[in-house]
Amino acid sequence: MTTIEALDPTSDVQYAEFYAVYRSAITEEWDRPYGSLELRVSLLDDSVFQQTVGYLGRDDAGVAVVAGTIEFTFKDNLDLGFVQIYVSPDRRREGHGTAMETHLAGVARGRGRTSLMGEARWDAESTGSAYTAFAEARGYHLDLADGHRVLDLPATLPEAPPRDGYTLHDWRGRTPDVWIDQYAEMVSVFMQEAPSGDHPIENEFYDAARVRADDQRLIDQGRVMQVVVAVSPAGELAGHTQLVFPDADPGDVYQWATLVLPAHRGHGLGMSLKVRAIGAAADLLEGRRYVHTGNALSNEPMIAVNDALGYRLVGYSGEFVRNL
């Protein structure tokens, strides 16, 4: 039997148990866990935009064996709860993951959500894994598959200067005031412009206040984000890319969103943005071994860019959905 309790992320003792289960559950070669501070800051964030709630499950002896989180957004996608479940490796196949998923589904229903979405990984040489099998057994179906690629560092990149009158600008830390409104608008349309599955996903709500909140959360988590934006000849933001450097993970770099707005495609900006980001972050890259990125399997233009940069496929991550 599994007894599930709400996580109080301000409790050092309970959070240590929660994080120990979470950390032990991530054993795949190319799956990288969040650092303790990174994850805790997310669980402490109770903003008007989103909230991530944690739960801890114990066995009959009171030992922590399963951890789970569910994220709710409050300005968009009000039908969804985003779930993740972590079971201690030596306690799997005992029903603890099922108990946690059932509990999270009940929490989602109580919040008026009608669907759950979660991620599950599998190797590049496989067609599935124990994680995908668990998701399918719980009634989830694969909605979108992403390829997980890594770039070995140091990397020799092609020359890709901007052309056709476009210019590139970069920053770290707080988003410059001069760009913040346009940047918020560009980030908000990422879901609209990126490939998606059959489940309808709304654009994320973004305004200047949320950009500022994200800026601060990165700082609180011990992350540095290198941002590069492309500016059109008319002075409008045309695209951006984000490289994230966590203090807790000194060997890895994470390529987050890259987007070129439709009106500005066909000018090689995707390649220019990514090459400039690597160059601008040269000091942060020292000592790091890999840059990680993910792309929907249907996103052939961005996959082609990554292939040209030298990325190699190491696995897959699927977005799995079930209706409640």
Protein backbone atom coordinates (compact mmCIF):
# COMPACT_ATOMS: atom_id res chain seq x y z
CA MET A 1 0.00 0.00 0.00
CA THR A 2 1.13 3.54 -0.74
CA THR A 3 0.32 6.48 1.49
CA ILE A 4 0.60 9.80 -0.33
CA GLU A 5 1.17 13.16 1.34
CA ALA A 6 1.41 16.68 0.01
CA LEU A 7 4.93 18.04 -0.22
CA ASP A 8 5.79 21.15 1.76
CA PRO A 9 8.81 22.45 -0.18
CA THR A 10 9.74 24.71 2.75
CA SER A 11 10.36 21.64 4.92
CA ASP A 12 14.03 20.72 4.68
CA VAL A 13 13.46 17.18 5.99
CA GLN A 14 10.51 16.32 3.74
CA TYR A 15 12.05 17.96 0.69
CA ALA A 16 15.27 15.99 1.22
CA GLU A 17 13.24 12.76 1.11
CA PHE A 18 11.37 13.94 -1.97
CA TYR A 19 14.54 14.93 -3.81
CA ALA A 20 16.29 11.67 -2.87
CA VAL A 21 13.50 9.65 -4.51
CA TYR A 22 13.46 11.95 -7.55
CA ARG A 23 17.23 11.79 -7.96
CA SER A 24 17.44 8.02 -7.54
CA ALA A 25 14.77 7.47 -10.18
CA ILE A 26 16.71 9.17 -12.97
CA THR A 27 19.14 6.53 -14.14
CA GLU A 28 19.13 6.78 -17.94
CA GLU A 29 22.43 7.78 -19.56
CA TRP A 30 21.09 10.85 -21.35
CA ASP A 31 18.44 11.91 -18.83
CA ARG A 32 19.77 14.72 -16.68
CA PRO A 33 18.16 15.50 -13.29
CA TYR A 34 17.53 18.97 -11.95
CA GLY A 35 19.72 20.07 -9.10
CA SER A 36 18.09 20.25 -5.68
CA LEU A 37 17.84 24.04 -5.77
CA GLU A 38 16.52 24.11 -9.35
CA LEU A 39 13.67 21.76 -8.53
CA ARG A 40 12.90 23.35 -5.16
CA VAL A 41 12.56 26.82 -6.65
CA SER A 42 10.01 25.46 -9.13
CA LEU A 43 8.02 23.90 -6.30
CA LEU A 44 8.15 27.12 -4.27
CA ASP A 45 6.91 29.23 -7.18
CA ASP A 46 3.26 30.05 -6.56
CA SER A 47 2.68 32.86 -9.04
CA VAL A 48 -0.34 34.09 -10.94
CA PHE A 49 1.04 32.30 -14.00
CA GLN A 50 1.71 28.75 -12.84
CA GLN A 51 2.12 26.43 -9.88
CA THR A 52 3.92 23.10 -9.50
CA VAL A 53 2.64 20.93 -6.64
CA GLY A 54 4.62 18.00 -5.27
CA TYR A 55 3.56 14.78 -3.54
CA LEU A 56 5.52 12.12 -1.69
CA GLY A 57 4.45 8.48 -1.38
CA ARG A 58 5.51 6.10 1.41
CA ASP A 59 5.28 2.35 1.85
CA ASP A 60 3.79 0.60 4.87
CA ALA A 61 7.03 1.11 6.78
CA GLY A 62 6.96 4.86 6.18
CA VAL A 63 9.84 4.81 3.70
CA ALA A 64 9.62 7.36 0.86
CA VAL A 65 9.38 5.36 -2.40
CA VAL A 66 7.63 7.55 -4.99
CA ALA A 67 7.54 11.26 -5.82
CA GLY A 68 5.19 13.09 -8.15
CA THR A 69 4.55 16.58 -9.43
CA ILE A 70 1.68 18.23 -11.22
CA GLU A 71 1.96 21.64 -12.87
CA PHE A 72 -0.99 23.93 -13.46
CA THR A 73 -0.96 26.99 -15.67
CA PHE A 74 -3.44 29.74 -14.82
CA LYS A 75 -3.46 31.92 -17.93
CA ASP A 76 -3.60 29.27 -20.65
CA ASN A 77 -4.25 25.55 -21.19
CA LEU A 78 -6.75 25.44 -18.35
CA ASP A 79 -7.79 21.91 -19.31
CA LEU A 80 -4.36 20.38 -18.62
CA GLY A 81 -2.33 19.14 -15.70
CA PHE A 82 1.32 18.39 -16.50
CA VAL A 83 2.46 15.36 -14.47
CA GLN A 84 5.73 13.57 -13.73
CA ILE A 85 6.21 10.48 -11.53
CA TYR A 86 9.44 9.11 -10.04
CA VAL A 87 9.72 5.71 -8.35
CA SER A 88 12.81 4.48 -6.49
CA PRO A 89 14.45 1.90 -8.79
CA ASP A 90 14.39 -0.89 -6.19
CA ARG A 91 10.69 -0.31 -5.47
CA ARG A 92 9.25 -0.47 -8.96
CA ARG A 93 6.49 -2.88 -10.01
CA GLU A 94 4.95 -2.68 -6.54
CA GLY A 95 2.10 -0.34 -7.47
CA HIS A 96 3.60 2.86 -6.08
CA GLY A 97 3.73 4.62 -9.46
CA THR A 98 0.13 3.62 -10.17
CA ALA A 99 -0.96 4.94 -6.79
CA MET A 100 0.77 8.26 -7.46
CA GLU A 101 -0.71 8.62 -10.95
CA THR A 102 -4.19 7.90 -9.57
CA HIS A 103 -3.66 10.54 -6.90
CA LEU A 104 -2.42 13.16 -9.36
CA ALA A 105 -5.42 12.48 -11.60
CA GLY A 106 -7.70 13.14 -8.65
CA VAL A 107 -5.88 16.40 -7.88
CA ALA A 108 -6.30 17.46 -11.52
CA ARG A 109 -10.03 16.68 -11.48
CA GLY A 110 -10.37 18.70 -8.29
CA ARG A 111 -8.85 21.67 -10.10
CA GLY A 112 -11.30 21.29 -13.00
CA ARG A 113 -8.73 19.85 -15.41
CA THR A 114 -9.88 17.36 -18.00
CA SER A 115 -6.60 15.98 -19.37
CA LEU A 116 -3.17 14.98 -18.13
CA MET A 117 0.10 15.30 -20.04
CA GLY A 118 3.45 13.79 -19.11
CA GLU A 119 6.78 12.89 -20.68
CA ALA A 120 8.40 9.48 -21.09
CA ARG A 121 11.77 8.65 -22.63
CA TRP A 122 13.19 5.79 -24.69
CA ASP A 123 16.55 5.03 -26.30
CA ALA A 124 17.44 5.84 -29.88
CA GLU A 125 17.82 2.12 -30.64
CA SER A 126 14.42 1.21 -29.13
CA THR A 127 10.76 1.70 -29.90
CA GLY A 128 9.72 2.13 -26.27
CA SER A 129 10.76 1.69 -22.65
CA ALA A 130 9.42 0.78 -19.22
CA TYR A 131 8.36 4.43 -18.93
CA THR A 132 6.29 4.40 -22.13
CA ALA A 133 4.79 1.04 -21.14
CA PHE A 134 3.70 2.50 -17.80
CA ALA A 135 2.13 5.51 -19.51
CA GLU A 136 0.23 3.32 -21.94
CA ALA A 137 -0.94 1.00 -19.16
CA ARG A 138 -2.41 4.03 -17.37
CA GLY A 139 -4.38 5.03 -20.47
CA TYR A 140 -2.04 7.61 -22.00
CA HIS A 141 -1.35 7.79 -25.72
CA LEU A 142 1.65 9.27 -27.51
CA ASP A 143 0.73 12.71 -28.83
CA LEU A 144 4.12 14.02 -29.96
CA ALA A 145 7.62 12.53 -30.17
CA ASP A 146 10.78 14.62 -29.87
CA GLY A 147 14.28 13.53 -30.82
CA HIS A 148 16.90 14.16 -28.12
CA ARG A 149 20.19 15.26 -29.66
CA VAL A 150 23.52 16.28 -28.17
CA LEU A 151 26.40 18.33 -29.48
CA ASP A 152 29.81 17.20 -28.25
CA LEU A 153 31.98 20.02 -26.91
CA PRO A 154 34.19 21.65 -27.93
CA ALA A 155 32.50 21.94 -31.29
CA THR A 156 33.67 23.36 -34.61
CA LEU A 157 30.72 25.21 -36.09
CA PRO A 158 30.13 26.55 -39.59
CA GLU A 159 30.23 30.23 -40.31
CA ALA A 160 26.70 31.63 -40.30
CA PRO A 161 26.69 35.44 -40.15
CA PRO A 162 23.30 37.12 -40.51
CA ARG A 163 22.43 38.33 -43.97
CA ASP A 164 19.79 40.33 -45.85
CA GLY A 165 19.97 43.23 -43.43
CA TYR A 166 19.25 41.27 -40.25
CA THR A 167 21.35 41.82 -37.13
CA LEU A 168 21.92 39.75 -33.99
CA HIS A 169 21.93 40.94 -30.38
CA ASP A 170 22.61 38.93 -27.22
CA TRP A 171 22.20 39.22 -23.47
CA ARG A 172 22.29 37.35 -20.19
CA GLY A 173 20.25 37.98 -17.08
CA ARG A 174 17.40 40.47 -17.24
CA THR A 175 15.73 40.93 -20.58
CA PRO A 176 16.54 44.45 -21.86
CA ASP A 177 13.66 46.89 -21.43
CA VAL A 178 13.90 47.92 -25.07
CA TRP A 179 12.97 44.39 -26.20
CA ILE A 180 10.77 43.11 -23.40
CA ASP A 181 7.32 43.63 -24.94
CA GLN A 182 8.29 42.22 -28.33
CA TYR A 183 10.16 39.39 -26.64
CA ALA A 184 7.11 38.46 -24.56
CA GLU A 185 4.97 38.38 -27.69
CA MET A 186 7.48 36.22 -29.54
CA VAL A 187 7.81 33.72 -26.69
CA SER A 188 4.04 33.50 -26.37
CA VAL A 189 3.58 32.24 -29.95
CA PHE A 190 6.15 29.45 -29.67
CA MET A 191 3.51 26.73 -29.21
CA GLN A 192 1.58 28.08 -32.19
CA GLU A 193 4.62 28.01 -34.46
CA ALA A 194 6.34 24.85 -33.23
CA PRO A 195 5.11 21.41 -34.37
CA SER A 196 2.54 19.92 -32.01
CA GLY A 197 0.50 16.76 -31.61
CA ASP A 198 -3.22 16.23 -31.94
CA HIS A 199 -4.07 17.49 -28.46
CA PRO A 200 -4.84 21.20 -28.74
CA ILE A 201 -2.19 23.24 -26.92
CA GLU A 202 -2.80 26.95 -26.50
CA ASN A 203 -0.07 29.55 -26.75
CA GLU A 204 1.47 30.27 -23.38
CA PHE A 205 0.42 33.58 -21.90
CA TYR A 206 3.36 35.96 -21.78
CA ASP A 207 3.64 39.62 -20.98
CA ALA A 208 6.44 41.79 -19.60
CA ALA A 209 5.59 40.77 -16.02
CA ARG A 210 5.96 37.09 -16.82
CA VAL A 211 9.24 37.65 -18.64
CA ARG A 212 10.53 39.43 -15.55
CA ALA A 213 9.28 36.59 -13.33
CA ASP A 214 11.09 34.06 -15.53
CA ASP A 215 14.25 36.18 -15.43
CA GLN A 216 14.18 36.10 -11.63
CA ARG A 217 13.39 32.40 -11.41
CA LEU A 218 16.44 31.55 -13.51
CA ILE A 219 18.59 33.55 -11.12
CA ASP A 220 17.01 31.88 -8.09
CA GLN A 221 17.64 28.43 -9.64
CA GLY A 222 21.30 29.12 -10.26
CA ARG A 223 20.88 29.14 -14.03
CA VAL A 224 22.41 31.49 -16.57
CA MET A 225 20.60 31.87 -19.87
CA GLN A 226 22.38 33.15 -22.96
CA VAL A 227 19.80 34.74 -25.24
CA VAL A 228 20.35 35.78 -28.86
CA VAL A 229 17.72 37.63 -30.88
CA ALA A 230 17.53 38.46 -34.56
CA VAL A 231 16.35 41.94 -35.52
CA SER A 232 14.87 42.67 -38.91
CA PRO A 233 15.92 45.60 -41.13
CA ALA A 234 12.74 47.34 -39.88
CA GLY A 235 13.90 47.00 -36.25
CA GLU A 236 11.49 44.23 -35.21
CA LEU A 237 12.39 41.06 -33.37
CA ALA A 238 12.43 38.26 -35.93
CA GLY A 239 13.63 35.27 -33.89
CA HIS A 240 15.50 34.12 -30.81
CA THR A 241 17.37 31.23 -29.22
CA GLN A 242 18.16 30.33 -25.61
CA LEU A 243 21.11 28.43 -24.12
CA VAL A 244 20.79 27.52 -20.43
CA PHE A 245 23.74 26.83 -18.10
CA PRO A 246 22.81 25.31 -14.72
CA ASP A 247 25.23 25.67 -11.80
CA ALA A 248 24.08 22.26 -10.56
CA ASP A 249 25.05 20.51 -13.80
CA PRO A 250 28.58 21.63 -14.71
CA GLY A 251 28.97 19.24 -17.63
CA ASP A 252 25.89 20.07 -19.65
CA VAL A 253 24.23 22.93 -21.53
CA TYR A 254 20.59 23.00 -22.60
CA GLN A 255 19.34 24.45 -25.86
CA TRP A 256 15.85 25.69 -25.03
CA ALA A 257 13.53 27.42 -27.47
CA THR A 258 14.65 28.50 -30.92
CA LEU A 259 12.08 30.28 -33.04
CA VAL A 260 12.12 32.30 -36.23
CA LEU A 261 8.82 34.03 -36.88
CA PRO A 262 7.12 32.99 -40.15
CA ALA A 263 7.51 36.37 -41.84
CA HIS A 264 11.29 36.17 -41.39
CA ARG A 265 12.01 32.61 -42.47
CA GLY A 266 14.17 31.86 -45.47
CA HIS A 267 17.09 34.04 -44.38
CA GLY A 268 19.16 31.41 -42.54
CA LEU A 269 18.34 32.90 -39.16
CA GLY A 270 17.95 29.58 -37.33
CA MET A 271 21.55 28.68 -38.08
CA SER A 272 22.80 32.22 -37.44
CA LEU A 273 21.10 32.38 -34.04
CA LYS A 274 22.46 29.06 -32.84
CA VAL A 275 26.01 29.70 -34.02
CA ARG A 276 26.02 33.15 -32.43
CA ALA A 277 24.72 31.75 -29.13
CA ILE A 278 27.58 29.25 -28.92
CA GLY A 279 30.08 31.98 -29.68
CA ALA A 280 28.57 34.49 -27.25
CA ALA A 281 28.64 31.88 -24.47
CA ALA A 282 32.22 30.75 -25.07
CA ASP A 283 33.26 31.58 -21.50
CA LEU A 284 30.34 29.62 -20.04
CA LEU A 285 31.06 26.61 -22.26
CA GLU A 286 34.53 26.01 -20.80
CA GLY A 287 34.56 22.63 -19.08
CA ARG A 288 31.12 21.59 -20.39
CA ARG A 289 30.82 18.37 -22.41
CA TYR A 290 27.45 18.44 -24.17
CA VAL A 291 24.73 20.73 -25.45
CA HIS A 292 21.32 19.02 -25.31
CA THR A 293 18.39 19.88 -27.55
CA GLY A 294 15.03 18.40 -28.50
CA ASN A 295 12.98 18.74 -31.66
CA ALA A 296 9.68 17.28 -32.77
CA LEU A 297 10.34 14.53 -35.30
CA SER A 298 8.26 16.49 -37.79
CA ASN A 299 10.39 19.63 -37.43
CA GLU A 300 12.61 18.84 -40.40
CA PRO A 301 14.02 22.38 -40.91
CA MET A 302 15.36 22.63 -37.35
CA ILE A 303 16.62 19.04 -37.40
CA ALA A 304 18.56 19.91 -40.56
CA VAL A 305 20.11 22.90 -38.78
CA ASN A 306 21.11 20.73 -35.82
CA ASP A 307 22.57 18.07 -38.10
CA ALA A 308 24.67 20.73 -39.84
CA LEU A 309 25.92 21.91 -36.45
CA GLY A 310 27.04 18.39 -35.53
CA TYR A 311 24.31 17.22 -33.15
CA ARG A 312 23.73 13.47 -32.89
CA LEU A 313 20.59 11.59 -31.90
CA VAL A 314 20.75 9.82 -28.51
CA GLY A 315 17.10 9.17 -27.65
CA TYR A 316 13.49 10.21 -27.76
CA SER A 317 11.07 11.94 -25.43
CA GLY A 318 7.34 11.53 -25.93
CA GLU A 319 4.50 13.76 -24.81
CA PHE A 320 1.79 11.40 -23.56
CA VAL A 321 -1.81 12.50 -22.96
CA ARG A 322 -4.87 10.95 -21.36
CA ASN A 323 -8.35 12.29 -20.82
CA LEU A 324 -9.83 12.23 -17.33
